Amino acid sequence: MRFRLSATVKLSKPASEEVISKEIEDFNTRLSEKRVDAKIERWDIFGNNLNIEIVSGRKRRAHD
């Protein structure tokens, strides 16, 4: 079973793609090190809105 969550995170101010990309890469790496079956698969940023898509498996659900 796989879970897919799409969400929009409203930031207090616009952020650069470079900063967001690095943070998401670090986040996915930490999840991988913990052997958590989840990751942010897609994201984009428009102004101060960060749109993300999280996909997860049985052990960790995207909405947890």
C-alpha atoms as a PDB file:
ATOM      1  CA  MET A   1       0.000   0.000   0.000  1.00  0.00           C
ATOM      2  CA  ARG A   2       1.311   3.462  -0.879  1.00  0.00           C
ATOM      3  CA  PHE A   3       0.089   6.826   0.297  1.00  0.00           C
ATOM      4  CA  ARG A   4       0.378  10.040  -1.692  1.00  0.00           C
ATOM      5  CA  LEU A   5      -0.129  13.444  -0.117  1.00  0.00           C
ATOM      6  CA  SER A   6      -0.184  16.744  -1.987  1.00  0.00           C
ATOM      7  CA  ALA A   7       0.068  19.874   0.115  1.00  0.00           C
ATOM      8  CA  THR A   8       0.761  23.567  -0.126  1.00  0.00           C
ATOM      9  CA  VAL A   9       2.866  25.142   2.599  1.00  0.00           C
ATOM     10  CA  LYS A  10       2.507  28.899   2.873  1.00  0.00           C
ATOM     11  CA  LEU A  11       5.857  30.463   3.806  1.00  0.00           C
ATOM     12  CA  SER A  12       6.155  33.761   5.634  1.00  0.00           C
ATOM     13  CA  LYS A  13       8.147  35.158   2.692  1.00  0.00           C
ATOM     14  CA  PRO A  14       9.358  33.935  -0.708  1.00  0.00           C
ATOM     15  CA  ALA A  15      12.309  31.530  -0.653  1.00  0.00           C
ATOM     16  CA  SER A  16      14.791  30.682  -3.381  1.00  0.00           C
ATOM     17  CA  GLU A  17      14.627  27.367  -5.212  1.00  0.00           C
ATOM     18  CA  GLU A  18      18.243  26.745  -4.223  1.00  0.00           C
ATOM     19  CA  VAL A  19      17.457  26.943  -0.495  1.00  0.00           C
ATOM     20  CA  ILE A  20      14.304  24.815  -0.756  1.00  0.00           C
ATOM     21  CA  SER A  21      16.066  22.237  -2.937  1.00  0.00           C
ATOM     22  CA  LYS A  22      18.862  21.825  -0.383  1.00  0.00           C
ATOM     23  CA  GLU A  23      16.410  21.483   2.524  1.00  0.00           C
ATOM     24  CA  ILE A  24      14.316  18.875   0.710  1.00  0.00           C
ATOM     25  CA  GLU A  25      17.423  16.936  -0.293  1.00  0.00           C
ATOM     26  CA  ASP A  26      18.628  16.939   3.338  1.00  0.00           C
ATOM     27  CA  PHE A  27      15.168  15.905   4.571  1.00  0.00           C
ATOM     28  CA  ASN A  28      14.956  12.985   2.127  1.00  0.00           C
ATOM     29  CA  THR A  29      18.484  11.902   3.089  1.00  0.00           C
ATOM     30  CA  ARG A  30      17.575  11.849   6.804  1.00  0.00           C
ATOM     31  CA  LEU A  31      14.474   9.775   6.063  1.00  0.00           C
ATOM     32  CA  SER A  32      16.550   7.356   4.008  1.00  0.00           C
ATOM     33  CA  GLU A  33      19.135   7.006   6.799  1.00  0.00           C
ATOM     34  CA  LYS A  34      16.334   6.147   9.219  1.00  0.00           C
ATOM     35  CA  ARG A  35      15.009   3.598   6.698  1.00  0.00           C
ATOM     36  CA  VAL A  36      11.678   5.351   6.550  1.00  0.00           C
ATOM     37  CA  ASP A  37       9.709   4.444   3.453  1.00  0.00           C
ATOM     38  CA  ALA A  38       8.719   8.015   2.583  1.00  0.00           C
ATOM     39  CA  LYS A  39      10.085  10.942   0.616  1.00  0.00           C
ATOM     40  CA  ILE A  40       9.192  14.195  -1.026  1.00  0.00           C
ATOM     41  CA  GLU A  41       8.950  13.189  -4.679  1.00  0.00           C
ATOM     42  CA  ARG A  42       7.893  16.470  -6.258  1.00  0.00           C
ATOM     43  CA  TRP A  43       7.905  20.068  -5.262  1.00  0.00           C
ATOM     44  CA  ASP A  44       7.728  23.522  -6.729  1.00  0.00           C
ATOM     45  CA  ILE A  45       7.703  26.989  -5.341  1.00  0.00           C
ATOM     46  CA  PHE A  46       5.692  29.958  -6.493  1.00  0.00           C
ATOM     47  CA  GLY A  47       6.129  33.146  -4.492  1.00  0.00           C
ATOM     48  CA  ASN A  48       5.697  32.164  -0.870  1.00  0.00           C
ATOM     49  CA  ASN A  49       3.779  28.927  -1.628  1.00  0.00           C
ATOM     50  CA  LEU A  50       5.686  25.646  -1.490  1.00  0.00           C
ATOM     51  CA  ASN A  51       3.792  22.812  -3.195  1.00  0.00           C
ATOM     52  CA  ILE A  52       4.983  19.347  -2.202  1.00  0.00           C
ATOM     53  CA  GLU A  53       4.024  15.765  -2.958  1.00  0.00           C
ATOM     54  CA  ILE A  54       4.982  13.167  -0.363  1.00  0.00           C
ATOM     55  CA  VAL A  55       4.848   9.458  -1.148  1.00  0.00           C
ATOM     56  CA  SER A  56       5.099   6.845   1.572  1.00  0.00           C
ATOM     57  CA  GLY A  57       4.655   3.163   2.235  1.00  0.00           C
ATOM     58  CA  ARG A  58       3.199   1.073   5.027  1.00  0.00           C
ATOM     59  CA  LYS A  59       5.620   1.881   7.834  1.00  0.00           C
ATOM     60  CA  ARG A  60       5.338   5.661   7.643  1.00  0.00           C
ATOM     61  CA  ARG A  61       2.277   7.306   6.219  1.00  0.00           C
ATOM     62  CA  ALA A  62       2.545  10.566   4.318  1.00  0.00           C
ATOM     63  CA  HIS A  63       0.028  12.259   6.606  1.00  0.00           C
ATOM     64  CA  ASP A  64       1.798  11.308   9.888  1.00  0.00           C
END
